[in-house]
Amino acid sequence: MSEPVEEVQPVVRPFSAFLVEQRRGRLHAEASDGFRELVAAVRDTRMKGSIVITIEVKPTKGDHLAVTDKCVVKIPHATGESLFFVDRDGNLSRSDPNQPELPMSVAKPQGVAANG
């Protein structure tokens, strides 16, 4: 009988090690700075944001692989908001189209002479 062959588990290198080495650490630095900025903006605006790291690996001539990356941070921006009413024609208006407008007149202050 032959001896059972022991399965060898591959050694998986941590992804974080790749991030630190890619472009001599620039990807890691960009992602770290972007993430810090994102967290601060989300905390301040109470709006969501995101960070997306895209890594592309392609073959080259020979035994090498070319690795490119892109780090995109979508920072939320508080722009404020305005409230509008919608009229019967579908247009936005600051005035409620269902509320009648009051007539406007300018009252003269009492006790002021007409000439000045």
N, C-alpha and C. Protein backbone atom coordinates (compact mmCIF):
# COMPACT_ATOMS: atom_id res chain seq x y z
N MET A 1 0.82 -1.18 0.00
CA MET A 1 0.00 0.00 0.00
C MET A 1 0.87 1.25 0.00
N SER A 2 0.36 2.23 -0.72
CA SER A 2 1.10 3.48 -0.75
C SER A 2 0.61 4.39 0.38
N GLU A 3 1.51 5.25 0.79
CA GLU A 3 1.16 6.18 1.87
C GLU A 3 0.24 7.27 1.33
N PRO A 4 -0.71 7.72 2.15
CA PRO A 4 -1.61 8.79 1.69
C PRO A 4 -0.82 10.07 1.45
N VAL A 5 -1.18 10.76 0.37
CA VAL A 5 -0.53 12.02 0.03
C VAL A 5 -1.17 13.13 0.85
N GLU A 6 -0.35 13.85 1.55
CA GLU A 6 -0.83 14.94 2.39
C GLU A 6 -1.08 16.17 1.52
N GLU A 7 -2.29 16.73 1.66
CA GLU A 7 -2.59 17.94 0.89
C GLU A 7 -1.88 19.12 1.52
N VAL A 8 -1.23 19.87 0.69
CA VAL A 8 -0.52 21.06 1.17
C VAL A 8 -1.41 22.27 0.90
N GLN A 9 -1.72 22.97 1.95
CA GLN A 9 -2.52 24.18 1.82
C GLN A 9 -1.63 25.32 1.33
N PRO A 10 -2.11 26.07 0.33
CA PRO A 10 -1.30 27.18 -0.14
C PRO A 10 -1.19 28.26 0.94
N VAL A 11 -0.09 28.95 0.93
CA VAL A 11 0.11 30.08 1.85
C VAL A 11 -0.52 31.30 1.17
N VAL A 12 -1.50 31.85 1.80
CA VAL A 12 -2.19 33.01 1.25
C VAL A 12 -1.60 34.27 1.85
N ARG A 13 -1.04 35.06 0.99
CA ARG A 13 -0.43 36.32 1.43
C ARG A 13 -1.55 37.31 1.75
N PRO A 14 -1.46 38.04 2.84
CA PRO A 14 -2.50 39.01 3.19
C PRO A 14 -2.64 40.10 2.12
N PHE A 15 -3.87 40.43 1.82
CA PHE A 15 -4.14 41.47 0.84
C PHE A 15 -3.55 42.80 1.27
N SER A 16 -3.54 43.04 2.56
CA SER A 16 -2.99 44.30 3.08
C SER A 16 -1.52 44.45 2.70
N ALA A 17 -0.80 43.35 2.59
CA ALA A 17 0.62 43.42 2.18
C ALA A 17 0.72 43.93 0.74
N PHE A 18 -0.20 43.50 -0.12
CA PHE A 18 -0.22 44.00 -1.49
C PHE A 18 -0.50 45.50 -1.51
N LEU A 19 -1.50 45.95 -0.72
CA LEU A 19 -1.85 47.38 -0.71
C LEU A 19 -0.66 48.26 -0.33
N VAL A 20 0.13 47.78 0.62
CA VAL A 20 1.27 48.56 1.08
C VAL A 20 2.37 48.62 0.01
N GLU A 21 2.45 47.60 -0.85
CA GLU A 21 3.50 47.56 -1.87
C GLU A 21 3.08 48.19 -3.20
N GLN A 22 1.79 48.18 -3.50
CA GLN A 22 1.35 48.69 -4.80
C GLN A 22 1.75 50.15 -4.97
N ARG A 23 2.37 50.43 -6.08
CA ARG A 23 2.89 51.77 -6.41
C ARG A 23 3.71 52.34 -5.26
N ARG A 24 4.54 51.49 -4.68
CA ARG A 24 5.45 51.88 -3.59
C ARG A 24 4.71 52.52 -2.41
N GLY A 25 3.52 52.00 -2.15
CA GLY A 25 2.75 52.45 -1.00
C GLY A 25 1.77 53.57 -1.27
N ARG A 26 1.76 54.08 -2.50
CA ARG A 26 0.88 55.22 -2.78
C ARG A 26 -0.60 54.84 -2.74
N LEU A 27 -0.95 53.62 -3.20
CA LEU A 27 -2.35 53.19 -3.13
C LEU A 27 -2.80 53.14 -1.67
N HIS A 28 -2.00 52.58 -0.83
CA HIS A 28 -2.34 52.48 0.59
C HIS A 28 -2.51 53.88 1.20
N ALA A 29 -1.61 54.79 0.85
CA ALA A 29 -1.68 56.16 1.37
C ALA A 29 -2.93 56.87 0.87
N GLU A 30 -3.24 56.72 -0.43
CA GLU A 30 -4.44 57.35 -0.99
C GLU A 30 -5.70 56.81 -0.33
N ALA A 31 -5.76 55.49 -0.17
CA ALA A 31 -6.93 54.87 0.45
C ALA A 31 -7.06 55.29 1.91
N SER A 32 -5.95 55.35 2.62
CA SER A 32 -5.99 55.75 4.03
C SER A 32 -6.45 57.19 4.18
N ASP A 33 -5.87 58.10 3.39
CA ASP A 33 -6.27 59.51 3.46
C ASP A 33 -7.72 59.69 3.02
N GLY A 34 -8.10 59.01 1.94
CA GLY A 34 -9.47 59.12 1.44
C GLY A 34 -10.48 58.59 2.43
N PHE A 35 -10.14 57.49 3.09
CA PHE A 35 -11.05 56.90 4.07
C PHE A 35 -11.23 57.82 5.27
N ARG A 36 -10.14 58.43 5.73
CA ARG A 36 -10.23 59.37 6.84
C ARG A 36 -11.12 60.56 6.47
N GLU A 37 -10.92 61.09 5.26
CA GLU A 37 -11.72 62.21 4.78
C GLU A 37 -13.20 61.81 4.65
N LEU A 38 -13.44 60.60 4.15
CA LEU A 38 -14.81 60.10 4.01
C LEU A 38 -15.51 59.99 5.35
N VAL A 39 -14.84 59.40 6.32
CA VAL A 39 -15.43 59.23 7.66
C VAL A 39 -15.77 60.59 8.27
N ALA A 40 -14.89 61.55 8.13
CA ALA A 40 -15.13 62.88 8.69
C ALA A 40 -16.33 63.55 8.01
N ALA A 41 -16.42 63.41 6.68
CA ALA A 41 -17.52 64.05 5.95
C ALA A 41 -18.85 63.40 6.28
N VAL A 42 -18.87 62.07 6.41
CA VAL A 42 -20.11 61.38 6.77
C VAL A 42 -20.54 61.78 8.17
N ARG A 43 -19.59 61.89 9.08
CA ARG A 43 -19.91 62.30 10.44
C ARG A 43 -20.47 63.73 10.45
N ASP A 44 -19.87 64.62 9.67
CA ASP A 44 -20.29 66.02 9.66
C ASP A 44 -21.62 66.25 8.95
N THR A 45 -21.82 65.57 7.82
CA THR A 45 -23.02 65.81 7.01
C THR A 45 -24.16 64.87 7.33
N ARG A 46 -23.88 63.77 8.01
CA ARG A 46 -24.86 62.72 8.30
C ARG A 46 -25.42 62.13 7.00
N MET A 47 -24.61 62.19 5.94
CA MET A 47 -24.98 61.62 4.64
C MET A 47 -23.98 60.52 4.30
N LYS A 48 -24.39 59.58 3.45
CA LYS A 48 -23.51 58.47 3.12
C LYS A 48 -22.52 58.85 2.02
N GLY A 49 -21.41 58.14 2.02
CA GLY A 49 -20.39 58.29 0.99
C GLY A 49 -19.78 56.92 0.75
N SER A 50 -18.77 56.86 -0.09
CA SER A 50 -18.16 55.55 -0.36
C SER A 50 -16.71 55.71 -0.80
N ILE A 51 -15.99 54.61 -0.68
CA ILE A 51 -14.64 54.52 -1.21
C ILE A 51 -14.59 53.22 -1.99
N VAL A 52 -14.11 53.31 -3.22
CA VAL A 52 -14.04 52.14 -4.09
C VAL A 52 -12.61 52.00 -4.59
N ILE A 53 -12.03 50.84 -4.33
CA ILE A 53 -10.69 50.54 -4.83
C ILE A 53 -10.85 49.50 -5.91
N THR A 54 -10.40 49.83 -7.12
CA THR A 54 -10.46 48.91 -8.24
C THR A 54 -9.04 48.49 -8.58
N ILE A 55 -8.85 47.19 -8.67
CA ILE A 55 -7.53 46.66 -9.00
C ILE A 55 -7.68 45.82 -10.26
N GLU A 56 -6.87 46.11 -11.24
CA GLU A 56 -6.91 45.37 -12.50
C GLU A 56 -5.59 44.63 -12.66
N VAL A 57 -5.70 43.35 -12.97
CA VAL A 57 -4.52 42.52 -13.17
C VAL A 57 -4.58 41.97 -14.59
N LYS A 58 -3.51 42.18 -15.35
CA LYS A 58 -3.51 41.67 -16.73
C LYS A 58 -2.16 41.03 -17.03
N PRO A 59 -2.18 40.07 -17.94
CA PRO A 59 -0.93 39.39 -18.29
C PRO A 59 -0.05 40.28 -19.16
N THR A 60 1.22 40.02 -19.13
CA THR A 60 2.16 40.71 -19.99
C THR A 60 2.92 39.65 -20.77
N LYS A 61 3.82 40.08 -21.62
CA LYS A 61 4.69 39.12 -22.31
C LYS A 61 5.68 38.60 -21.28
N GLY A 62 5.69 37.34 -21.06
CA GLY A 62 6.59 36.78 -20.06
C GLY A 62 5.83 36.32 -18.84
N ASP A 63 6.53 36.22 -17.73
CA ASP A 63 5.95 35.69 -16.51
C ASP A 63 5.40 36.75 -15.56
N HIS A 64 5.39 37.97 -15.98
CA HIS A 64 4.94 39.06 -15.11
C HIS A 64 3.45 39.32 -15.28
N LEU A 65 2.88 39.96 -14.31
CA LEU A 65 1.51 40.45 -14.39
C LEU A 65 1.55 41.96 -14.13
N ALA A 66 0.78 42.69 -14.91
CA ALA A 66 0.70 44.14 -14.71
C ALA A 66 -0.50 44.43 -13.81
N VAL A 67 -0.27 45.19 -12.77
CA VAL A 67 -1.33 45.51 -11.81
C VAL A 67 -1.52 47.02 -11.79
N THR A 68 -2.75 47.44 -12.07
CA THR A 68 -3.08 48.87 -11.98
C THR A 68 -4.20 49.03 -10.95
N ASP A 69 -4.31 50.21 -10.43
CA ASP A 69 -5.32 50.46 -9.41
C ASP A 69 -5.95 51.82 -9.59
N LYS A 70 -7.09 51.97 -8.94
CA LYS A 70 -7.79 53.25 -8.94
C LYS A 70 -8.53 53.33 -7.61
N CYS A 71 -8.38 54.43 -6.93
CA CYS A 71 -9.05 54.65 -5.65
C CYS A 71 -9.96 55.87 -5.82
N VAL A 72 -11.26 55.65 -5.71
CA VAL A 72 -12.24 56.73 -5.89
C VAL A 72 -13.01 56.91 -4.59
N VAL A 73 -12.98 58.11 -4.07
CA VAL A 73 -13.69 58.44 -2.83
C VAL A 73 -14.83 59.37 -3.18
N LYS A 74 -16.04 58.99 -2.80
CA LYS A 74 -17.22 59.83 -3.03
C LYS A 74 -17.60 60.45 -1.70
N ILE A 75 -17.21 61.70 -1.56
CA ILE A 75 -17.44 62.45 -0.32
C ILE A 75 -18.83 63.08 -0.38
N PRO A 76 -19.64 62.90 0.66
CA PRO A 76 -20.95 63.56 0.67
C PRO A 76 -20.78 65.06 0.92
N HIS A 77 -21.58 65.82 0.25
CA HIS A 77 -21.55 67.27 0.41
C HIS A 77 -22.93 67.75 0.81
N ALA A 78 -23.01 68.44 1.90
CA ALA A 78 -24.28 69.00 2.35
C ALA A 78 -24.55 70.23 1.52
N THR A 79 -25.55 70.16 0.67
CA THR A 79 -25.86 71.28 -0.20
C THR A 79 -27.06 72.07 0.28
N GLY A 80 -27.73 71.58 1.31
CA GLY A 80 -28.93 72.24 1.77
C GLY A 80 -30.10 71.87 0.88
N GLU A 81 -31.26 72.28 1.29
CA GLU A 81 -32.43 71.97 0.48
C GLU A 81 -33.41 73.11 0.55
N SER A 82 -34.26 73.18 -0.44
CA SER A 82 -35.33 74.17 -0.49
C SER A 82 -36.64 73.42 -0.66
N LEU A 83 -37.68 73.94 -0.08
CA LEU A 83 -39.00 73.32 -0.21
C LEU A 83 -39.80 74.08 -1.26
N PHE A 84 -40.44 73.32 -2.13
CA PHE A 84 -41.26 73.88 -3.19
C PHE A 84 -42.62 73.21 -3.19
N PHE A 85 -43.60 73.90 -3.72
CA PHE A 85 -44.92 73.34 -3.99
C PHE A 85 -44.98 73.04 -5.48
N VAL A 86 -45.87 72.14 -5.86
CA VAL A 86 -46.06 71.81 -7.27
C VAL A 86 -47.43 72.32 -7.68
N ASP A 87 -47.47 73.15 -8.74
CA ASP A 87 -48.76 73.68 -9.19
C ASP A 87 -49.46 72.66 -10.10
N ARG A 88 -50.64 72.99 -10.56
CA ARG A 88 -51.43 72.03 -11.35
C ARG A 88 -50.79 71.71 -12.70
N ASP A 89 -49.88 72.57 -13.16
CA ASP A 89 -49.19 72.32 -14.42
C ASP A 89 -47.88 71.56 -14.23
N GLY A 90 -47.58 71.20 -12.97
CA GLY A 90 -46.35 70.45 -12.70
C GLY A 90 -45.12 71.32 -12.50
N ASN A 91 -45.31 72.62 -12.33
CA ASN A 91 -44.19 73.53 -12.12
C ASN A 91 -43.91 73.69 -10.63
N LEU A 92 -42.66 73.93 -10.28
CA LEU A 92 -42.31 74.19 -8.89
C LEU A 92 -42.52 75.65 -8.57
N SER A 93 -43.02 75.89 -7.36
CA SER A 93 -43.29 77.26 -6.92
C SER A 93 -42.99 77.36 -5.43
N ARG A 94 -42.49 78.49 -5.00
CA ARG A 94 -42.25 78.70 -3.57
C ARG A 94 -43.56 79.02 -2.85
N SER A 95 -44.58 79.43 -3.58
CA SER A 95 -45.88 79.75 -3.00
C SER A 95 -46.82 78.56 -3.16
N ASP A 96 -47.62 78.31 -2.13
CA ASP A 96 -48.60 77.23 -2.17
C ASP A 96 -49.71 77.60 -3.16
N PRO A 97 -49.85 76.85 -4.23
CA PRO A 97 -50.88 77.20 -5.22
C PRO A 97 -52.30 77.00 -4.70
N ASN A 98 -52.47 76.28 -3.60
CA ASN A 98 -53.79 76.04 -3.03
C ASN A 98 -54.18 77.09 -1.99
N GLN A 99 -53.28 78.01 -1.72
CA GLN A 99 -53.54 79.04 -0.71
C GLN A 99 -53.72 80.37 -1.43
N PRO A 100 -54.85 81.07 -1.22
CA PRO A 100 -55.03 82.36 -1.89
C PRO A 100 -54.01 83.38 -1.38
N GLU A 101 -53.62 84.26 -2.28
CA GLU A 101 -52.65 85.29 -1.91
C GLU A 101 -53.38 86.46 -1.25
N LEU A 102 -52.77 87.02 -0.23
CA LEU A 102 -53.33 88.18 0.46
C LEU A 102 -52.95 89.44 -0.31
N PRO A 103 -53.89 90.38 -0.41
CA PRO A 103 -53.54 91.64 -1.09
C PRO A 103 -52.49 92.39 -0.27
N MET A 104 -51.55 92.97 -0.96
CA MET A 104 -50.48 93.70 -0.28
C MET A 104 -50.72 95.19 -0.45
N SER A 105 -50.64 95.95 0.66
CA SER A 105 -50.70 97.40 0.60
C SER A 105 -49.67 97.94 1.56
N VAL A 106 -49.16 99.10 1.26
CA VAL A 106 -48.15 99.72 2.09
C VAL A 106 -48.83 100.77 2.97
N ALA A 107 -48.71 100.60 4.25
CA ALA A 107 -49.31 101.55 5.18
C ALA A 107 -48.33 102.67 5.46
N LYS A 108 -48.86 103.88 5.55
CA LYS A 108 -48.02 105.02 5.88
C LYS A 108 -47.85 105.06 7.40
N PRO A 109 -46.62 105.31 7.86
CA PRO A 109 -46.42 105.40 9.31
C PRO A 109 -47.18 106.59 9.88
N GLN A 110 -47.73 106.44 11.06
CA GLN A 110 -48.49 107.52 11.69
C GLN A 110 -47.52 108.54 12.29
N GLY A 111 -47.93 109.79 12.23
CA GLY A 111 -47.17 110.85 12.84
C GLY A 111 -46.01 111.36 12.00
N VAL A 112 -45.95 110.98 10.75
CA VAL A 112 -44.88 111.45 9.86
C VAL A 112 -45.49 112.44 8.91
N ALA A 113 -44.89 113.58 8.79
CA ALA A 113 -45.39 114.61 7.88
C ALA A 113 -45.21 114.15 6.43
N ALA A 114 -46.09 114.58 5.59
CA ALA A 114 -46.06 114.16 4.18
C ALA A 114 -44.82 114.68 3.46
N ASN A 115 -44.30 115.85 3.85
CA ASN A 115 -43.14 116.44 3.16
C ASN A 115 -41.83 116.03 3.79
N GLY A 116 -41.89 115.29 4.79
CA GLY A 116 -40.66 114.91 5.24
C GLY A 116 -40.09 114.61 6.43
